[in-house]
Amino acid sequence: MNYEEAVEALSQSELPIHAVREIFDAFKDNNEIVGMVAMNISRKCSVYDKEQGKSDEMVALLRDLSSVSDMGSRWAVAKNHFTPVDILEKLAHDDINLVRALVATNPNTPSSILSKLFSDEKIVRDGLSGNPNTPIKLLQVLANDSDKMVRLRVAENPSTPKEVLSSMIDDEDTNVSKAAEIKLGMRQ
């Protein structure tokens, strides 16, 4: 298979995972193709075939993509809901803050990793605000963040306790206070 054929094949969402794997193996030194492999996998896991994400072949490919030099590919692995916890742990130490931020948003990232990310850069901490696995003590801190979008994500987070939501009803931003009221069942 040549470059053009690989590009064409990867644009097809229904391409079987074993074929995606073959393309990755043949072109793993080509960051453009590697990035297209990562995007093909993202589409498969999020839209087209969620069961495929659970396959051993998919998990093996996610593992391999987590180690490539292409940041976009590691980004796709960090946000993928089928990425194994040990890979999320590895990516939580990635040099690129956006990769770490996406680990912070991944709902499969365990609270132990999320707690470590709280001391990271702002973009990474902000990712914690909407994650349902974020420990309550961190949600309490994020509920008072200076960034209204962080507070809004905390108000919309399904794990935010009622007492934290109650404290957010008087938020200076009307979207935040409205979101807290809706979550508390005070508003529709």
C-alpha atoms as a PDB file:
ATOM      1  CA  MET A   1       0.000   0.000   0.000  1.00  0.00           C
ATOM      2  CA  ASN A   2       1.347   3.418  -0.912  1.00  0.00           C
ATOM      3  CA  TYR A   3       0.856   6.746   0.862  1.00  0.00           C
ATOM      4  CA  GLU A   4      -2.196   7.847  -1.175  1.00  0.00           C
ATOM      5  CA  GLU A   5      -3.926   4.494  -0.661  1.00  0.00           C
ATOM      6  CA  ALA A   6      -3.273   4.682   3.070  1.00  0.00           C
ATOM      7  CA  VAL A   7      -4.730   8.207   3.265  1.00  0.00           C
ATOM      8  CA  GLU A   8      -7.817   7.108   1.328  1.00  0.00           C
ATOM      9  CA  ALA A   9      -8.300   3.988   3.442  1.00  0.00           C
ATOM     10  CA  LEU A  10      -7.983   5.890   6.743  1.00  0.00           C
ATOM     11  CA  SER A  11     -10.645   8.376   5.653  1.00  0.00           C
ATOM     12  CA  GLN A  12     -13.146   5.510   5.746  1.00  0.00           C
ATOM     13  CA  SER A  13     -14.631   5.120   9.201  1.00  0.00           C
ATOM     14  CA  GLU A  14     -15.711   1.556   8.479  1.00  0.00           C
ATOM     15  CA  LEU A  15     -12.115   0.443   7.837  1.00  0.00           C
ATOM     16  CA  PRO A  16     -11.626  -2.669  10.018  1.00  0.00           C
ATOM     17  CA  ILE A  17      -9.301  -2.221  12.977  1.00  0.00           C
ATOM     18  CA  HIS A  18      -6.868  -4.873  11.684  1.00  0.00           C
ATOM     19  CA  ALA A  19      -6.475  -2.807   8.479  1.00  0.00           C
ATOM     20  CA  VAL A  20      -5.872   0.342  10.537  1.00  0.00           C
ATOM     21  CA  ARG A  21      -3.223  -1.605  12.444  1.00  0.00           C
ATOM     22  CA  GLU A  22      -1.521  -2.703   9.211  1.00  0.00           C
ATOM     23  CA  ILE A  23      -1.384   0.896   7.992  1.00  0.00           C
ATOM     24  CA  PHE A  24       0.045   2.055  11.318  1.00  0.00           C
ATOM     25  CA  ASP A  25       2.734  -0.626  11.209  1.00  0.00           C
ATOM     26  CA  ALA A  26       3.650   0.231   7.618  1.00  0.00           C
ATOM     27  CA  PHE A  27       3.768   4.009   8.163  1.00  0.00           C
ATOM     28  CA  LYS A  28       4.647   4.448  11.850  1.00  0.00           C
ATOM     29  CA  ASP A  29       7.485   6.828  10.957  1.00  0.00           C
ATOM     30  CA  ASN A  30       5.126   9.139   9.048  1.00  0.00           C
ATOM     31  CA  ASN A  31       3.505  11.549  11.532  1.00  0.00           C
ATOM     32  CA  GLU A  32       0.770  12.532   9.079  1.00  0.00           C
ATOM     33  CA  ILE A  33      -0.382   8.925   8.634  1.00  0.00           C
ATOM     34  CA  VAL A  34       0.037   8.220  12.347  1.00  0.00           C
ATOM     35  CA  GLY A  35      -2.205  11.218  13.070  1.00  0.00           C
ATOM     36  CA  MET A  36      -4.787   9.906  10.622  1.00  0.00           C
ATOM     37  CA  VAL A  37      -4.667   6.500  12.349  1.00  0.00           C
ATOM     38  CA  ALA A  38      -5.356   8.232  15.676  1.00  0.00           C
ATOM     39  CA  MET A  39      -8.287  10.160  14.193  1.00  0.00           C
ATOM     40  CA  ASN A  40      -9.717   7.012  12.602  1.00  0.00           C
ATOM     41  CA  ILE A  41      -9.613   5.310  15.984  1.00  0.00           C
ATOM     42  CA  SER A  42     -11.220   8.322  17.670  1.00  0.00           C
ATOM     43  CA  ARG A  43     -14.107   8.188  15.206  1.00  0.00           C
ATOM     44  CA  LYS A  44     -14.526   4.455  15.712  1.00  0.00           C
ATOM     45  CA  CYS A  45     -14.649   4.749  19.491  1.00  0.00           C
ATOM     46  CA  SER A  46     -16.841   7.811  19.762  1.00  0.00           C
ATOM     47  CA  VAL A  47     -19.324   7.552  16.933  1.00  0.00           C
ATOM     48  CA  TYR A  48     -19.300   4.485  14.780  1.00  0.00           C
ATOM     49  CA  ASP A  49     -18.601   1.349  16.776  1.00  0.00           C
ATOM     50  CA  LYS A  50     -18.205   1.738  20.506  1.00  0.00           C
ATOM     51  CA  GLU A  51     -17.836  -2.022  20.983  1.00  0.00           C
ATOM     52  CA  GLN A  52     -14.767  -1.982  18.743  1.00  0.00           C
ATOM     53  CA  GLY A  53     -13.012   0.196  21.296  1.00  0.00           C
ATOM     54  CA  LYS A  54     -12.997  -2.667  23.739  1.00  0.00           C
ATOM     55  CA  SER A  55     -11.101  -5.007  21.419  1.00  0.00           C
ATOM     56  CA  ASP A  56      -7.602  -6.151  22.310  1.00  0.00           C
ATOM     57  CA  GLU A  57      -6.415  -4.941  18.915  1.00  0.00           C
ATOM     58  CA  MET A  58      -7.774  -1.440  19.570  1.00  0.00           C
ATOM     59  CA  VAL A  59      -6.204  -1.283  23.029  1.00  0.00           C
ATOM     60  CA  ALA A  60      -2.846  -2.415  21.616  1.00  0.00           C
ATOM     61  CA  LEU A  61      -3.024   0.315  18.988  1.00  0.00           C
ATOM     62  CA  LEU A  62      -3.882   2.916  21.642  1.00  0.00           C
ATOM     63  CA  ARG A  63      -0.816   1.767  23.599  1.00  0.00           C
ATOM     64  CA  ASP A  64       1.410   2.173  20.557  1.00  0.00           C
ATOM     65  CA  LEU A  65      -0.041   5.580  19.688  1.00  0.00           C
ATOM     66  CA  SER A  66       0.622   6.818  23.228  1.00  0.00           C
ATOM     67  CA  SER A  67       4.360   6.628  22.532  1.00  0.00           C
ATOM     68  CA  VAL A  68       4.583   8.325  19.133  1.00  0.00           C
ATOM     69  CA  SER A  69       6.185  11.732  18.664  1.00  0.00           C
ATOM     70  CA  ASP A  70       3.038  13.195  17.077  1.00  0.00           C
ATOM     71  CA  MET A  71       1.306  15.273  19.783  1.00  0.00           C
ATOM     72  CA  GLY A  72      -2.069  15.028  18.035  1.00  0.00           C
ATOM     73  CA  SER A  73      -1.959  11.254  18.265  1.00  0.00           C
ATOM     74  CA  ARG A  74      -1.151  11.300  21.980  1.00  0.00           C
ATOM     75  CA  TRP A  75      -3.945  13.883  22.363  1.00  0.00           C
ATOM     76  CA  ALA A  76      -6.396  11.447  20.714  1.00  0.00           C
ATOM     77  CA  VAL A  77      -5.258   8.636  23.028  1.00  0.00           C
ATOM     78  CA  ALA A  78      -5.550  10.851  26.127  1.00  0.00           C
ATOM     79  CA  LYS A  79      -9.194  11.641  25.407  1.00  0.00           C
ATOM     80  CA  ASN A  80     -10.192   8.145  24.266  1.00  0.00           C
ATOM     81  CA  HIS A  81     -12.552   6.459  26.711  1.00  0.00           C
ATOM     82  CA  PHE A  82     -11.002   3.060  26.007  1.00  0.00           C
ATOM     83  CA  THR A  83      -7.439   4.037  26.866  1.00  0.00           C
ATOM     84  CA  PRO A  84      -6.167   1.779  29.662  1.00  0.00           C
ATOM     85  CA  VAL A  85      -5.456   3.387  33.035  1.00  0.00           C
ATOM     86  CA  ASP A  86      -1.709   2.679  32.856  1.00  0.00           C
ATOM     87  CA  ILE A  87      -1.517   4.653  29.599  1.00  0.00           C
ATOM     88  CA  LEU A  88      -3.548   7.513  31.109  1.00  0.00           C
ATOM     89  CA  GLU A  89      -1.048   7.507  33.983  1.00  0.00           C
ATOM     90  CA  LYS A  90       1.838   7.720  31.500  1.00  0.00           C
ATOM     91  CA  LEU A  91       0.150  10.507  29.507  1.00  0.00           C
ATOM     92  CA  ALA A  92      -0.525  12.424  32.736  1.00  0.00           C
ATOM     93  CA  HIS A  93       3.247  13.095  32.669  1.00  0.00           C
ATOM     94  CA  ASP A  94       3.405  14.070  28.979  1.00  0.00           C
ATOM     95  CA  ASP A  95       5.542  17.105  28.113  1.00  0.00           C
ATOM     96  CA  ILE A  96       2.590  18.717  26.293  1.00  0.00           C
ATOM     97  CA  ASN A  97       0.096  20.391  28.631  1.00  0.00           C
ATOM     98  CA  LEU A  98      -2.850  19.797  26.263  1.00  0.00           C
ATOM     99  CA  VAL A  99      -2.241  16.044  26.426  1.00  0.00           C
ATOM    100  CA  ARG A 100      -2.265  16.220  30.232  1.00  0.00           C
ATOM    101  CA  ALA A 101      -5.406  18.399  30.119  1.00  0.00           C
ATOM    102  CA  LEU A 102      -7.200  15.772  28.051  1.00  0.00           C
ATOM    103  CA  VAL A 103      -6.198  13.083  30.535  1.00  0.00           C
ATOM    104  CA  ALA A 104      -7.820  15.330  33.165  1.00  0.00           C
ATOM    105  CA  THR A 105     -11.076  15.425  31.164  1.00  0.00           C
ATOM    106  CA  ASN A 106     -11.197  11.696  30.406  1.00  0.00           C
ATOM    107  CA  PRO A 107     -14.004  10.159  32.500  1.00  0.00           C
ATOM    108  CA  ASN A 108     -12.010   6.933  32.824  1.00  0.00           C
ATOM    109  CA  THR A 109      -9.081   8.635  34.509  1.00  0.00           C
ATOM    110  CA  PRO A 110      -9.065   7.474  38.134  1.00  0.00           C
ATOM    111  CA  SER A 111      -9.290  10.019  40.940  1.00  0.00           C
ATOM    112  CA  SER A 112      -5.754   9.160  42.085  1.00  0.00           C
ATOM    113  CA  ILE A 113      -4.348  10.483  38.792  1.00  0.00           C
ATOM    114  CA  LEU A 114      -6.734  13.455  38.781  1.00  0.00           C
ATOM    115  CA  SER A 115      -5.551  14.460  42.254  1.00  0.00           C
ATOM    116  CA  LYS A 116      -1.956  14.588  40.996  1.00  0.00           C
ATOM    117  CA  LEU A 117      -2.990  16.732  38.025  1.00  0.00           C
ATOM    118  CA  PHE A 118      -4.533  19.366  40.299  1.00  0.00           C
ATOM    119  CA  SER A 119      -1.089  20.836  40.993  1.00  0.00           C
ATOM    120  CA  ASP A 120      -0.358  21.129  37.249  1.00  0.00           C
ATOM    121  CA  GLU A 121      -0.779  24.170  34.964  1.00  0.00           C
ATOM    122  CA  LYS A 122      -4.114  26.010  34.794  1.00  0.00           C
ATOM    123  CA  ILE A 123      -5.196  24.393  31.500  1.00  0.00           C
ATOM    124  CA  VAL A 124      -4.716  20.969  33.079  1.00  0.00           C
ATOM    125  CA  ARG A 125      -6.505  21.885  36.320  1.00  0.00           C
ATOM    126  CA  ASP A 126      -9.367  23.344  34.308  1.00  0.00           C
ATOM    127  CA  GLY A 127      -9.865  19.951  32.668  1.00  0.00           C
ATOM    128  CA  LEU A 128     -10.698  18.506  36.069  1.00  0.00           C
ATOM    129  CA  SER A 129     -13.780  20.683  36.567  1.00  0.00           C
ATOM    130  CA  GLY A 130     -16.093  18.605  34.368  1.00  0.00           C
ATOM    131  CA  ASN A 131     -14.692  15.158  35.083  1.00  0.00           C
ATOM    132  CA  PRO A 132     -17.106  13.034  37.160  1.00  0.00           C
ATOM    133  CA  ASN A 133     -14.144  11.258  38.805  1.00  0.00           C
ATOM    134  CA  THR A 134     -12.645  14.457  40.186  1.00  0.00           C
ATOM    135  CA  PRO A 135     -12.489  14.156  43.979  1.00  0.00           C
ATOM    136  CA  ILE A 136     -15.076  16.239  45.825  1.00  0.00           C
ATOM    137  CA  LYS A 137     -12.407  18.199  47.715  1.00  0.00           C
ATOM    138  CA  LEU A 138     -11.023  19.391  44.372  1.00  0.00           C
ATOM    139  CA  LEU A 139     -14.494  20.257  43.040  1.00  0.00           C
ATOM    140  CA  GLN A 140     -14.992  22.398  46.161  1.00  0.00           C
ATOM    141  CA  VAL A 141     -11.851  24.374  45.317  1.00  0.00           C
ATOM    142  CA  LEU A 142     -12.714  24.620  41.601  1.00  0.00           C
ATOM    143  CA  ALA A 143     -16.217  25.901  42.462  1.00  0.00           C
ATOM    144  CA  ASN A 144     -14.479  29.132  43.558  1.00  0.00           C
ATOM    145  CA  ASP A 145     -12.101  29.386  40.610  1.00  0.00           C
ATOM    146  CA  SER A 146     -11.635  32.821  39.052  1.00  0.00           C
ATOM    147  CA  ASP A 147     -12.566  31.394  35.612  1.00  0.00           C
ATOM    148  CA  LYS A 148     -16.330  31.340  35.117  1.00  0.00           C
ATOM    149  CA  MET A 149     -16.085  28.444  32.630  1.00  0.00           C
ATOM    150  CA  VAL A 150     -14.406  26.304  35.280  1.00  0.00           C
ATOM    151  CA  ARG A 151     -17.183  27.155  37.737  1.00  0.00           C
ATOM    152  CA  LEU A 152     -19.820  26.388  35.091  1.00  0.00           C
ATOM    153  CA  ARG A 153     -18.302  22.942  34.431  1.00  0.00           C
ATOM    154  CA  VAL A 154     -18.257  22.278  38.179  1.00  0.00           C
ATOM    155  CA  ALA A 155     -21.935  23.266  38.387  1.00  0.00           C
ATOM    156  CA  GLU A 156     -22.730  20.881  35.519  1.00  0.00           C
ATOM    157  CA  ASN A 157     -20.521  18.057  36.827  1.00  0.00           C
ATOM    158  CA  PRO A 158     -22.717  15.091  37.830  1.00  0.00           C
ATOM    159  CA  SER A 159     -20.467  14.421  40.839  1.00  0.00           C
ATOM    160  CA  THR A 160     -20.663  17.882  42.361  1.00  0.00           C
ATOM    161  CA  PRO A 161     -22.362  17.512  45.758  1.00  0.00           C
ATOM    162  CA  LYS A 162     -25.492  19.474  46.627  1.00  0.00           C
ATOM    163  CA  GLU A 163     -23.727  21.540  49.283  1.00  0.00           C
ATOM    164  CA  VAL A 164     -21.210  22.775  46.692  1.00  0.00           C
ATOM    165  CA  LEU A 165     -24.016  23.490  44.220  1.00  0.00           C
ATOM    166  CA  SER A 166     -25.900  25.392  46.927  1.00  0.00           C
ATOM    167  CA  SER A 167     -22.879  27.631  47.431  1.00  0.00           C
ATOM    168  CA  MET A 168     -22.820  28.320  43.676  1.00  0.00           C
ATOM    169  CA  ILE A 169     -26.407  29.619  43.456  1.00  0.00           C
ATOM    170  CA  ASP A 170     -25.214  33.143  44.258  1.00  0.00           C
ATOM    171  CA  ASP A 171     -22.368  33.051  41.732  1.00  0.00           C
ATOM    172  CA  GLU A 172     -21.691  36.400  40.061  1.00  0.00           C
ATOM    173  CA  ASP A 173     -22.065  34.752  36.644  1.00  0.00           C
ATOM    174  CA  THR A 174     -25.724  34.099  35.834  1.00  0.00           C
ATOM    175  CA  ASN A 175     -24.903  31.020  33.747  1.00  0.00           C
ATOM    176  CA  VAL A 176     -23.114  29.441  36.703  1.00  0.00           C
ATOM    177  CA  SER A 177     -25.876  30.244  39.168  1.00  0.00           C
ATOM    178  CA  LYS A 178     -28.537  29.020  36.730  1.00  0.00           C
ATOM    179  CA  ALA A 179     -26.646  25.741  36.153  1.00  0.00           C
ATOM    180  CA  ALA A 180     -26.386  25.190  39.916  1.00  0.00           C
ATOM    181  CA  GLU A 181     -30.113  25.885  40.335  1.00  0.00           C
ATOM    182  CA  ILE A 182     -30.982  23.454  37.530  1.00  0.00           C
ATOM    183  CA  LYS A 183     -28.824  20.716  39.074  1.00  0.00           C
ATOM    184  CA  LEU A 184     -30.522  21.296  42.414  1.00  0.00           C
ATOM    185  CA  GLY A 185     -33.952  21.066  40.757  1.00  0.00           C
ATOM    186  CA  MET A 186     -34.810  24.661  41.592  1.00  0.00           C
ATOM    187  CA  ARG A 187     -35.148  25.693  37.952  1.00  0.00           C
ATOM    188  CA  GLN A 188     -35.952  24.070  34.637  1.00  0.00           C
END
